[in-house]
Amino acid sequence: MDQPTLHFTDAPGIRLAHFEWQADRRGHGPTLWLVHATGFHGRVWDQAVRRLPEQRHVIAIEQRCHGRSDAVPFDNWRHFGHDQVAQIDALGLQGALGVGHSMGAHALVQAASQRPGAFRRLILVDPVMSAPEAYQQPPVPLGQLHPAAQRKNQFDSPQAMFDRFADRPPYAVFDRAALMDYCQHGLRPADSGSGFQLCCAPQHEGQVYPLARNFPGTYDLVRALDIPVLVVRARTMDPAIQPWDPLGSPTWPGLAAEFPQGRDLFRPDRTHFLPMEDPAGMATLIEAELAAFPSP
């Protein structure tokens, strides 16, 4: 496919970005709606989109504090769902295939629950959704940070970022072109005036992860979402890897059964970063779900 175009949606208090491929295909079959994970951006889907066998209308959104969207503070994952609803409303989305990865999958479920009709089917790629009892625990105090908040935030160039990450976990498992897309589109000119810094500031990335369980209504949304949902789970976490295994799945194995029309696909041969690790496989999953849509 051709290179996507960048667009913005103005919502109350925030400006949100999205990339669009094949705008002329809107209305000619279902729109593909892509939602990235924490710390990433809309262009990490490029390699999967390029491998789709047909010309498709595709929208890849960028969540707040990520990519080219505004870095507006948040204190709960509800903000990511609300932002997505604003984009859905602005673009008049109807009958789409939604694909969300990790935290982006949680935000997608929120949005699909709030906007019935916007999506006809969903693919949730290793969603950050724990067992129901996890959400009954006391909330994590605001201000707690994940170690990602300490990551390097200054790079001489996208190539320098690529060279640094190429052999380091978790990036070592990425398809090489997908890793370059992450680096090429995940940096902006540094505030210092020299070099580049991450579009998603480490402080913001570090704030997202601890808030995962501060959403007690998660399973109310899941059980009420009566459309076909494919839950793709990566390999299980390795308890020997401390303080956490970034390549293991955060998804409760029973999640798919909680959706009225849920299906579970366990991929022990893939990691949590499946969309960037195996873009060809991701494209195959997407095309299989698109094939289930009725002919236009």
C-alpha atoms as a PDB file:
ATOM      1  CA  MET A   1       0.000   0.000   0.000  1.00  0.00           C
ATOM      2  CA  ASP A   2       0.973   3.630  -0.377  1.00  0.00           C
ATOM      3  CA  GLN A   3       2.301   5.667   2.533  1.00  0.00           C
ATOM      4  CA  PRO A   4      -0.437   6.743   4.957  1.00  0.00           C
ATOM      5  CA  THR A   5      -1.547  10.310   5.532  1.00  0.00           C
ATOM      6  CA  LEU A   6      -1.535  11.951   8.962  1.00  0.00           C
ATOM      7  CA  HIS A   7      -4.739  13.508  10.296  1.00  0.00           C
ATOM      8  CA  PHE A   8      -5.849  15.058  13.582  1.00  0.00           C
ATOM      9  CA  THR A   9      -9.068  15.035  15.576  1.00  0.00           C
ATOM     10  CA  ASP A  10      -9.807  17.841  18.012  1.00  0.00           C
ATOM     11  CA  ALA A  11     -11.593  16.532  21.106  1.00  0.00           C
ATOM     12  CA  PRO A  12     -12.292  18.377  24.380  1.00  0.00           C
ATOM     13  CA  GLY A  13      -8.913  19.241  25.857  1.00  0.00           C
ATOM     14  CA  ILE A  14      -6.841  17.158  23.477  1.00  0.00           C
ATOM     15  CA  ARG A  15      -5.717  16.805  19.865  1.00  0.00           C
ATOM     16  CA  LEU A  16      -5.484  13.191  18.694  1.00  0.00           C
ATOM     17  CA  ALA A  17      -3.590  11.843  15.686  1.00  0.00           C
ATOM     18  CA  HIS A  18      -4.313   9.008  13.303  1.00  0.00           C
ATOM     19  CA  PHE A  19      -2.818   7.661  10.093  1.00  0.00           C
ATOM     20  CA  GLU A  20      -4.988   6.642   7.151  1.00  0.00           C
ATOM     21  CA  TRP A  21      -4.262   4.322   4.239  1.00  0.00           C
ATOM     22  CA  GLN A  22      -6.383   4.127   1.089  1.00  0.00           C
ATOM     23  CA  ALA A  23      -8.950   6.791   1.961  1.00  0.00           C
ATOM     24  CA  ASP A  24     -10.560   6.174  -1.430  1.00  0.00           C
ATOM     25  CA  ARG A  25     -11.487   2.670  -0.240  1.00  0.00           C
ATOM     26  CA  ARG A  26     -13.712   3.984   2.566  1.00  0.00           C
ATOM     27  CA  GLY A  27     -17.106   2.379   2.143  1.00  0.00           C
ATOM     28  CA  HIS A  28     -15.726  -0.378  -0.104  1.00  0.00           C
ATOM     29  CA  GLY A  29     -15.631  -3.090   2.524  1.00  0.00           C
ATOM     30  CA  PRO A  30     -14.962  -2.753   6.251  1.00  0.00           C
ATOM     31  CA  THR A  31     -12.485  -0.248   7.631  1.00  0.00           C
ATOM     32  CA  LEU A  32      -9.552  -1.738   9.535  1.00  0.00           C
ATOM     33  CA  TRP A  33      -9.056   0.152  12.840  1.00  0.00           C
ATOM     34  CA  LEU A  34      -5.668  -0.391  14.543  1.00  0.00           C
ATOM     35  CA  VAL A  35      -4.764   0.496  18.135  1.00  0.00           C
ATOM     36  CA  HIS A  36      -1.138   0.275  19.294  1.00  0.00           C
ATOM     37  CA  ALA A  37       0.277  -0.783  22.667  1.00  0.00           C
ATOM     38  CA  THR A  38       1.832   1.343  25.410  1.00  0.00           C
ATOM     39  CA  GLY A  39       5.025   3.073  24.322  1.00  0.00           C
ATOM     40  CA  PHE A  40       4.419   2.637  20.594  1.00  0.00           C
ATOM     41  CA  HIS A  41       2.607   4.581  17.854  1.00  0.00           C
ATOM     42  CA  GLY A  42       0.415   4.204  14.798  1.00  0.00           C
ATOM     43  CA  ARG A  43       3.207   3.347  12.363  1.00  0.00           C
ATOM     44  CA  VAL A  44       4.209   0.095  14.090  1.00  0.00           C
ATOM     45  CA  TRP A  45       1.427  -1.493  12.019  1.00  0.00           C
ATOM     46  CA  ASP A  46       3.051  -0.586   8.682  1.00  0.00           C
ATOM     47  CA  GLN A  47       4.538  -4.002   7.963  1.00  0.00           C
ATOM     48  CA  ALA A  48       1.293  -5.844   8.682  1.00  0.00           C
ATOM     49  CA  VAL A  49      -0.710  -3.387   6.558  1.00  0.00           C
ATOM     50  CA  ARG A  50       1.702  -3.811   3.642  1.00  0.00           C
ATOM     51  CA  ARG A  51       1.196  -7.566   3.741  1.00  0.00           C
ATOM     52  CA  LEU A  52      -2.579  -7.459   3.399  1.00  0.00           C
ATOM     53  CA  PRO A  53      -3.437  -9.146   0.093  1.00  0.00           C
ATOM     54  CA  GLU A  54      -6.110  -6.590  -0.864  1.00  0.00           C
ATOM     55  CA  GLN A  55      -6.360  -2.824  -0.889  1.00  0.00           C
ATOM     56  CA  ARG A  56      -8.055  -1.877   2.380  1.00  0.00           C
ATOM     57  CA  HIS A  57      -9.169   1.305   4.073  1.00  0.00           C
ATOM     58  CA  VAL A  58      -7.020   1.392   7.215  1.00  0.00           C
ATOM     59  CA  ILE A  59      -6.888   3.786  10.165  1.00  0.00           C
ATOM     60  CA  ALA A  60      -4.165   3.486  12.810  1.00  0.00           C
ATOM     61  CA  ILE A  61      -4.822   5.778  15.747  1.00  0.00           C
ATOM     62  CA  GLU A  62      -2.281   7.220  18.164  1.00  0.00           C
ATOM     63  CA  GLN A  63      -3.263   7.299  21.818  1.00  0.00           C
ATOM     64  CA  ARG A  64      -2.693  10.273  24.119  1.00  0.00           C
ATOM     65  CA  CYS A  65       0.955  10.733  25.127  1.00  0.00           C
ATOM     66  CA  HIS A  66       1.979   8.623  22.119  1.00  0.00           C
ATOM     67  CA  GLY A  67       3.097   9.443  18.599  1.00  0.00           C
ATOM     68  CA  ARG A  68       1.810  12.778  17.385  1.00  0.00           C
ATOM     69  CA  SER A  69      -1.149  12.980  19.781  1.00  0.00           C
ATOM     70  CA  ASP A  70      -1.077  15.511  22.608  1.00  0.00           C
ATOM     71  CA  ALA A  71       0.647  14.541  25.848  1.00  0.00           C
ATOM     72  CA  VAL A  72      -2.317  15.309  28.109  1.00  0.00           C
ATOM     73  CA  PRO A  73      -2.109  13.875  31.656  1.00  0.00           C
ATOM     74  CA  PHE A  74      -4.139  10.798  32.622  1.00  0.00           C
ATOM     75  CA  ASP A  75      -4.881   8.976  35.863  1.00  0.00           C
ATOM     76  CA  ASN A  76      -6.907   6.003  34.588  1.00  0.00           C
ATOM     77  CA  TRP A  77      -7.176   3.887  31.451  1.00  0.00           C
ATOM     78  CA  ARG A  78     -10.672   5.303  30.906  1.00  0.00           C
ATOM     79  CA  HIS A  79      -9.003   8.300  29.270  1.00  0.00           C
ATOM     80  CA  PHE A  80      -7.712   6.076  26.459  1.00  0.00           C
ATOM     81  CA  GLY A  81     -11.171   4.650  25.853  1.00  0.00           C
ATOM     82  CA  HIS A  82     -12.796   8.090  25.880  1.00  0.00           C
ATOM     83  CA  ASP A  83     -10.211   9.422  23.431  1.00  0.00           C
ATOM     84  CA  GLN A  84     -10.907   6.580  21.062  1.00  0.00           C
ATOM     85  CA  VAL A  85     -14.649   7.232  21.237  1.00  0.00           C
ATOM     86  CA  ALA A  86     -13.961  10.848  20.237  1.00  0.00           C
ATOM     87  CA  GLN A  87     -12.033   9.646  17.192  1.00  0.00           C
ATOM     88  CA  ILE A  88     -14.749   7.134  16.285  1.00  0.00           C
ATOM     89  CA  ASP A  89     -17.403   9.840  16.462  1.00  0.00           C
ATOM     90  CA  ALA A  90     -15.362  12.344  14.460  1.00  0.00           C
ATOM     91  CA  LEU A  91     -14.700   9.826  11.698  1.00  0.00           C
ATOM     92  CA  GLY A  92     -18.182   8.311  11.649  1.00  0.00           C
ATOM     93  CA  LEU A  93     -16.825   4.782  12.032  1.00  0.00           C
ATOM     94  CA  GLN A  94     -19.343   1.989  11.404  1.00  0.00           C
ATOM     95  CA  GLY A  95     -19.016  -1.769  10.995  1.00  0.00           C
ATOM     96  CA  ALA A  96     -15.217  -1.867  11.257  1.00  0.00           C
ATOM     97  CA  LEU A  97     -12.760  -4.586  12.193  1.00  0.00           C
ATOM     98  CA  GLY A  98     -10.974  -3.350  15.308  1.00  0.00           C
ATOM     99  CA  VAL A  99      -7.513  -4.672  16.164  1.00  0.00           C
ATOM    100  CA  GLY A 100      -5.952  -3.696  19.476  1.00  0.00           C
ATOM    101  CA  HIS A 101      -2.642  -4.717  21.021  1.00  0.00           C
ATOM    102  CA  SER A 102      -1.901  -4.917  24.759  1.00  0.00           C
ATOM    103  CA  MET A 103      -3.263  -1.816  26.549  1.00  0.00           C
ATOM    104  CA  GLY A 104      -4.621  -0.708  23.181  1.00  0.00           C
ATOM    105  CA  ALA A 105      -6.843  -3.797  23.181  1.00  0.00           C
ATOM    106  CA  HIS A 106      -8.315  -2.770  26.543  1.00  0.00           C
ATOM    107  CA  ALA A 107      -9.010   0.722  25.200  1.00  0.00           C
ATOM    108  CA  LEU A 108     -10.593  -0.826  22.101  1.00  0.00           C
ATOM    109  CA  VAL A 109     -12.981  -2.898  24.231  1.00  0.00           C
ATOM    110  CA  GLN A 110     -13.946   0.256  26.101  1.00  0.00           C
ATOM    111  CA  ALA A 111     -14.663   2.102  22.858  1.00  0.00           C
ATOM    112  CA  ALA A 112     -16.559  -0.777  21.255  1.00  0.00           C
ATOM    113  CA  SER A 113     -18.736  -1.052  24.360  1.00  0.00           C
ATOM    114  CA  GLN A 114     -19.556   2.652  24.282  1.00  0.00           C
ATOM    115  CA  ARG A 115     -20.230   2.790  20.537  1.00  0.00           C
ATOM    116  CA  PRO A 116     -22.321  -0.202  19.448  1.00  0.00           C
ATOM    117  CA  GLY A 117     -22.238  -0.472  15.687  1.00  0.00           C
ATOM    118  CA  ALA A 118     -18.792   1.040  15.275  1.00  0.00           C
ATOM    119  CA  PHE A 119     -17.244  -2.445  15.130  1.00  0.00           C
ATOM    120  CA  ARG A 120     -18.531  -5.684  13.693  1.00  0.00           C
ATOM    121  CA  ARG A 121     -15.623  -7.826  14.910  1.00  0.00           C
ATOM    122  CA  LEU A 122     -12.544  -7.403  17.121  1.00  0.00           C
ATOM    123  CA  ILE A 123      -9.084  -8.947  17.325  1.00  0.00           C
ATOM    124  CA  LEU A 124      -7.466  -8.455  20.730  1.00  0.00           C
ATOM    125  CA  VAL A 125      -3.748  -9.202  20.522  1.00  0.00           C
ATOM    126  CA  ASP A 126      -2.432 -10.219  23.939  1.00  0.00           C
ATOM    127  CA  PRO A 127      -4.684  -7.735  25.767  1.00  0.00           C
ATOM    128  CA  VAL A 128      -3.718  -6.495  29.213  1.00  0.00           C
ATOM    129  CA  MET A 129      -6.682  -8.110  30.956  1.00  0.00           C
ATOM    130  CA  SER A 130      -6.059 -10.062  34.130  1.00  0.00           C
ATOM    131  CA  ALA A 131      -8.374 -12.531  35.879  1.00  0.00           C
ATOM    132  CA  PRO A 132     -11.567 -10.936  37.256  1.00  0.00           C
ATOM    133  CA  GLU A 133     -10.397 -11.125  40.863  1.00  0.00           C
ATOM    134  CA  ALA A 134      -7.395  -8.917  40.077  1.00  0.00           C
ATOM    135  CA  TYR A 135      -9.739  -5.962  39.628  1.00  0.00           C
ATOM    136  CA  GLN A 136     -11.154  -6.446  43.129  1.00  0.00           C
ATOM    137  CA  GLN A 137      -7.799  -5.656  44.725  1.00  0.00           C
ATOM    138  CA  PRO A 138      -7.124  -2.186  46.154  1.00  0.00           C
ATOM    139  CA  PRO A 139      -6.195   0.272  43.395  1.00  0.00           C
ATOM    140  CA  VAL A 140      -2.566   1.041  42.723  1.00  0.00           C
ATOM    141  CA  PRO A 141      -1.729   4.478  44.200  1.00  0.00           C
ATOM    142  CA  LEU A 142      -1.423   7.245  41.645  1.00  0.00           C
ATOM    143  CA  GLY A 143       2.139   8.274  40.912  1.00  0.00           C
ATOM    144  CA  GLN A 144       3.586   4.768  41.026  1.00  0.00           C
ATOM    145  CA  LEU A 145       5.944   4.209  38.091  1.00  0.00           C
ATOM    146  CA  HIS A 146       6.988   1.143  36.138  1.00  0.00           C
ATOM    147  CA  PRO A 147      10.756   0.743  35.480  1.00  0.00           C
ATOM    148  CA  ALA A 148      10.077   1.817  31.872  1.00  0.00           C
ATOM    149  CA  ALA A 149      10.089   5.368  33.246  1.00  0.00           C
ATOM    150  CA  GLN A 150      13.878   5.065  33.489  1.00  0.00           C
ATOM    151  CA  ARG A 151      14.503   4.078  29.879  1.00  0.00           C
ATOM    152  CA  LYS A 152      16.869   5.992  27.621  1.00  0.00           C
ATOM    153  CA  ASN A 153      15.201   9.015  26.043  1.00  0.00           C
ATOM    154  CA  GLN A 154      17.949  10.633  23.975  1.00  0.00           C
ATOM    155  CA  PHE A 155      19.147   9.365  20.592  1.00  0.00           C
ATOM    156  CA  ASP A 156      21.346  10.819  17.879  1.00  0.00           C
ATOM    157  CA  SER A 157      19.128   9.450  15.098  1.00  0.00           C
ATOM    158  CA  PRO A 158      16.543   6.758  14.301  1.00  0.00           C
ATOM    159  CA  GLN A 159      19.403   4.581  13.033  1.00  0.00           C
ATOM    160  CA  ALA A 160      21.238   4.985  16.340  1.00  0.00           C
ATOM    161  CA  MET A 161      18.074   3.923  18.161  1.00  0.00           C
ATOM    162  CA  PHE A 162      17.740   0.902  15.866  1.00  0.00           C
ATOM    163  CA  ASP A 163      21.366  -0.086  16.422  1.00  0.00           C
ATOM    164  CA  ARG A 164      20.948   0.164  20.196  1.00  0.00           C
ATOM    165  CA  PHE A 165      17.777  -1.933  20.278  1.00  0.00           C
ATOM    166  CA  ALA A 166      18.473  -4.498  17.546  1.00  0.00           C
ATOM    167  CA  ASP A 167      19.985  -7.111  19.881  1.00  0.00           C
ATOM    168  CA  ARG A 168      18.236  -6.126  23.119  1.00  0.00           C
ATOM    169  CA  PRO A 169      15.074  -7.659  24.508  1.00  0.00           C
ATOM    170  CA  PRO A 170      12.262  -7.181  23.815  1.00  0.00           C
ATOM    171  CA  TYR A 171      13.171  -5.482  20.521  1.00  0.00           C
ATOM    172  CA  ALA A 172      15.458  -8.296  19.376  1.00  0.00           C
ATOM    173  CA  VAL A 173      12.376 -10.363  18.464  1.00  0.00           C
ATOM    174  CA  PHE A 174      10.957  -7.659  16.170  1.00  0.00           C
ATOM    175  CA  ASP A 175      10.899  -8.036  12.416  1.00  0.00           C
ATOM    176  CA  ARG A 176      13.774  -5.810  11.280  1.00  0.00           C
ATOM    177  CA  ALA A 177      11.600  -3.552   9.140  1.00  0.00           C
ATOM    178  CA  ALA A 178       9.051  -3.246  11.949  1.00  0.00           C
ATOM    179  CA  LEU A 179      11.800  -2.257  14.367  1.00  0.00           C
ATOM    180  CA  MET A 180      12.981   0.430  11.960  1.00  0.00           C
ATOM    181  CA  ASP A 181       9.402   1.697  11.650  1.00  0.00           C
ATOM    182  CA  TYR A 182       9.226   1.926  15.441  1.00  0.00           C
ATOM    183  CA  CYS A 183      12.455   3.922  15.536  1.00  0.00           C
ATOM    184  CA  GLN A 184      11.814   6.072  12.460  1.00  0.00           C
ATOM    185  CA  HIS A 185       8.366   7.189  13.569  1.00  0.00           C
ATOM    186  CA  GLY A 186       8.818   7.009  17.336  1.00  0.00           C
ATOM    187  CA  LEU A 187      11.207   9.946  17.717  1.00  0.00           C
ATOM    188  CA  ARG A 188      10.802  13.699  17.578  1.00  0.00           C
ATOM    189  CA  PRO A 189      13.374  16.512  17.751  1.00  0.00           C
ATOM    190  CA  ALA A 190      14.688  16.782  21.294  1.00  0.00           C
ATOM    191  CA  ASP A 191      13.572  19.654  23.485  1.00  0.00           C
ATOM    192  CA  SER A 192      17.252  20.389  24.081  1.00  0.00           C
ATOM    193  CA  GLY A 193      17.691  21.217  20.397  1.00  0.00           C
ATOM    194  CA  SER A 194      20.204  18.412  19.908  1.00  0.00           C
ATOM    195  CA  GLY A 195      19.285  14.943  18.654  1.00  0.00           C
ATOM    196  CA  PHE A 196      15.966  13.213  19.197  1.00  0.00           C
ATOM    197  CA  GLN A 197      13.754  11.996  22.015  1.00  0.00           C
ATOM    198  CA  LEU A 198      10.926   9.478  22.243  1.00  0.00           C
ATOM    199  CA  CYS A 199       7.464  10.617  21.168  1.00  0.00           C
ATOM    200  CA  CYS A 200       6.137   8.655  24.135  1.00  0.00           C
ATOM    201  CA  ALA A 201       8.095  10.076  27.059  1.00  0.00           C
ATOM    202  CA  PRO A 202       9.403   7.398  29.457  1.00  0.00           C
ATOM    203  CA  GLN A 203       7.556   9.101  32.311  1.00  0.00           C
ATOM    204  CA  HIS A 204       4.249   8.593  30.503  1.00  0.00           C
ATOM    205  CA  GLU A 205       5.032   5.003  29.554  1.00  0.00           C
ATOM    206  CA  GLY A 206       5.954   4.294  33.154  1.00  0.00           C
ATOM    207  CA  GLN A 207       2.637   5.743  34.349  1.00  0.00           C
ATOM    208  CA  VAL A 208       0.492   3.537  32.113  1.00  0.00           C
ATOM    209  CA  TYR A 209       1.483   0.068  33.320  1.00  0.00           C
ATOM    210  CA  PRO A 210       0.715   0.377  37.061  1.00  0.00           C
ATOM    211  CA  LEU A 211      -2.833   1.587  36.291  1.00  0.00           C
ATOM    212  CA  ALA A 212      -3.761  -1.697  34.579  1.00  0.00           C
ATOM    213  CA  ARG A 213      -5.881  -3.073  37.401  1.00  0.00           C
ATOM    214  CA  ASN A 214      -7.472   0.264  38.374  1.00  0.00           C
ATOM    215  CA  PHE A 215     -10.457  -0.486  36.155  1.00  0.00           C
ATOM    216  CA  PRO A 216     -12.949  -2.557  38.176  1.00  0.00           C
ATOM    217  CA  GLY A 217     -15.591  -2.484  35.433  1.00  0.00           C
ATOM    218  CA  THR A 218     -13.440  -4.337  32.905  1.00  0.00           C
ATOM    219  CA  TYR A 219     -15.482  -7.538  32.910  1.00  0.00           C
ATOM    220  CA  ASP A 220     -18.799  -5.686  32.810  1.00  0.00           C
ATOM    221  CA  LEU A 221     -17.663  -4.343  29.438  1.00  0.00           C
ATOM    222  CA  VAL A 222     -16.376  -7.729  28.293  1.00  0.00           C
ATOM    223  CA  ARG A 223     -19.580  -9.614  29.113  1.00  0.00           C
ATOM    224  CA  ALA A 224     -21.791  -7.007  27.457  1.00  0.00           C
ATOM    225  CA  LEU A 225     -19.862  -6.861  24.161  1.00  0.00           C
ATOM    226  CA  ASP A 226     -21.914  -9.163  21.947  1.00  0.00           C
ATOM    227  CA  ILE A 227     -19.874  -9.238  18.744  1.00  0.00           C
ATOM    228  CA  PRO A 228     -17.299 -11.810  17.576  1.00  0.00           C
ATOM    229  CA  VAL A 229     -14.033 -11.272  19.458  1.00  0.00           C
ATOM    230  CA  LEU A 230     -10.814 -13.174  18.750  1.00  0.00           C
ATOM    231  CA  VAL A 231      -8.410 -13.171  21.706  1.00  0.00           C
ATOM    232  CA  VAL A 232      -4.842 -13.946  20.624  1.00  0.00           C
ATOM    233  CA  ARG A 233      -2.576 -14.973  23.498  1.00  0.00           C
ATOM    234  CA  ALA A 234       1.218 -15.137  23.348  1.00  0.00           C
ATOM    235  CA  ARG A 235       3.463 -17.488  25.298  1.00  0.00           C
ATOM    236  CA  THR A 236       3.034 -17.615  29.057  1.00  0.00           C
ATOM    237  CA  MET A 237       5.226 -15.529  31.335  1.00  0.00           C
ATOM    238  CA  ASP A 238       8.463 -17.055  32.596  1.00  0.00           C
ATOM    239  CA  PRO A 239       8.597 -16.582  36.397  1.00  0.00           C
ATOM    240  CA  ALA A 240      12.376 -16.945  36.293  1.00  0.00           C
ATOM    241  CA  ILE A 241      12.639 -13.610  34.466  1.00  0.00           C
ATOM    242  CA  GLN A 242      12.563 -10.872  37.086  1.00  0.00           C
ATOM    243  CA  PRO A 243      11.284  -8.273  37.878  1.00  0.00           C
ATOM    244  CA  TRP A 244       8.913  -9.134  35.004  1.00  0.00           C
ATOM    245  CA  ASP A 245       8.927 -10.993  31.717  1.00  0.00           C
ATOM    246  CA  PRO A 246       8.259  -8.419  28.964  1.00  0.00           C
ATOM    247  CA  LEU A 247       7.825 -11.125  26.330  1.00  0.00           C
ATOM    248  CA  GLY A 248       5.201 -13.137  28.213  1.00  0.00           C
ATOM    249  CA  SER A 249       1.445 -12.737  27.958  1.00  0.00           C
ATOM    250  CA  PRO A 250      -0.484 -10.527  30.424  1.00  0.00           C
ATOM    251  CA  THR A 251      -3.790 -12.036  29.256  1.00  0.00           C
ATOM    252  CA  TRP A 252      -5.896 -14.228  31.554  1.00  0.00           C
ATOM    253  CA  PRO A 253      -6.354 -17.558  29.711  1.00  0.00           C
ATOM    254  CA  GLY A 254     -10.079 -17.552  30.509  1.00  0.00           C
ATOM    255  CA  LEU A 255     -10.722 -14.150  28.926  1.00  0.00           C
ATOM    256  CA  ALA A 256     -12.189 -15.314  25.599  1.00  0.00           C
ATOM    257  CA  ALA A 257     -14.848 -17.388  27.359  1.00  0.00           C
ATOM    258  CA  GLU A 258     -16.137 -14.251  29.107  1.00  0.00           C
ATOM    259  CA  PHE A 259     -17.102 -12.610  25.804  1.00  0.00           C
ATOM    260  CA  PRO A 260     -20.526 -13.735  24.505  1.00  0.00           C
ATOM    261  CA  GLN A 261     -18.921 -14.550  21.141  1.00  0.00           C
ATOM    262  CA  GLY A 262     -15.292 -14.942  22.179  1.00  0.00           C
ATOM    263  CA  ARG A 263     -12.707 -17.262  20.637  1.00  0.00           C
ATOM    264  CA  ASP A 264      -9.273 -18.046  22.030  1.00  0.00           C
ATOM    265  CA  LEU A 265      -6.124 -18.464  19.943  1.00  0.00           C
ATOM    266  CA  PHE A 266      -3.060 -19.462  21.966  1.00  0.00           C
ATOM    267  CA  ARG A 267       0.269 -18.835  20.222  1.00  0.00           C
ATOM    268  CA  PRO A 268       3.016 -20.272  22.453  1.00  0.00           C
ATOM    269  CA  ASP A 269       5.452 -19.704  19.574  1.00  0.00           C
ATOM    270  CA  ARG A 270       4.974 -15.930  19.719  1.00  0.00           C
ATOM    271  CA  THR A 271       5.714 -13.235  22.287  1.00  0.00           C
ATOM    272  CA  HIS A 272       3.682 -10.324  23.619  1.00  0.00           C
ATOM    273  CA  PHE A 273       5.025  -8.242  20.710  1.00  0.00           C
ATOM    274  CA  LEU A 274       3.409 -10.373  18.013  1.00  0.00           C
ATOM    275  CA  PRO A 275       2.319  -7.497  15.703  1.00  0.00           C
ATOM    276  CA  MET A 276       5.927  -6.332  15.336  1.00  0.00           C
ATOM    277  CA  GLU A 277       7.487  -9.781  15.708  1.00  0.00           C
ATOM    278  CA  ASP A 278       5.421 -11.433  12.985  1.00  0.00           C
ATOM    279  CA  PRO A 279       3.701  -8.838  10.776  1.00  0.00           C
ATOM    280  CA  ALA A 280       3.013 -11.455   8.107  1.00  0.00           C
ATOM    281  CA  GLY A 281       1.217 -13.621  10.648  1.00  0.00           C
ATOM    282  CA  MET A 282      -0.645 -10.559  11.912  1.00  0.00           C
ATOM    283  CA  ALA A 283      -1.795  -9.780   8.383  1.00  0.00           C
ATOM    284  CA  THR A 284      -3.011 -13.364   7.985  1.00  0.00           C
ATOM    285  CA  LEU A 285      -5.080 -13.100  11.173  1.00  0.00           C
ATOM    286  CA  ILE A 286      -6.564  -9.802  10.024  1.00  0.00           C
ATOM    287  CA  GLU A 287      -7.437 -11.073   6.566  1.00  0.00           C
ATOM    288  CA  ALA A 288      -9.104 -14.181   8.020  1.00  0.00           C
ATOM    289  CA  GLU A 289     -11.368 -12.000  10.163  1.00  0.00           C
ATOM    290  CA  LEU A 290     -12.109  -9.669   7.255  1.00  0.00           C
ATOM    291  CA  ALA A 291     -13.123 -12.687   5.181  1.00  0.00           C
ATOM    292  CA  ALA A 292     -15.890 -13.368   7.712  1.00  0.00           C
ATOM    293  CA  PHE A 293     -17.577 -10.037   6.910  1.00  0.00           C
ATOM    294  CA  PRO A 294     -20.533 -10.126   4.503  1.00  0.00           C
ATOM    295  CA  SER A 295     -19.797  -9.008   0.957  1.00  0.00           C
ATOM    296  CA  PRO A 296     -20.466  -5.279   0.387  1.00  0.00           C
END
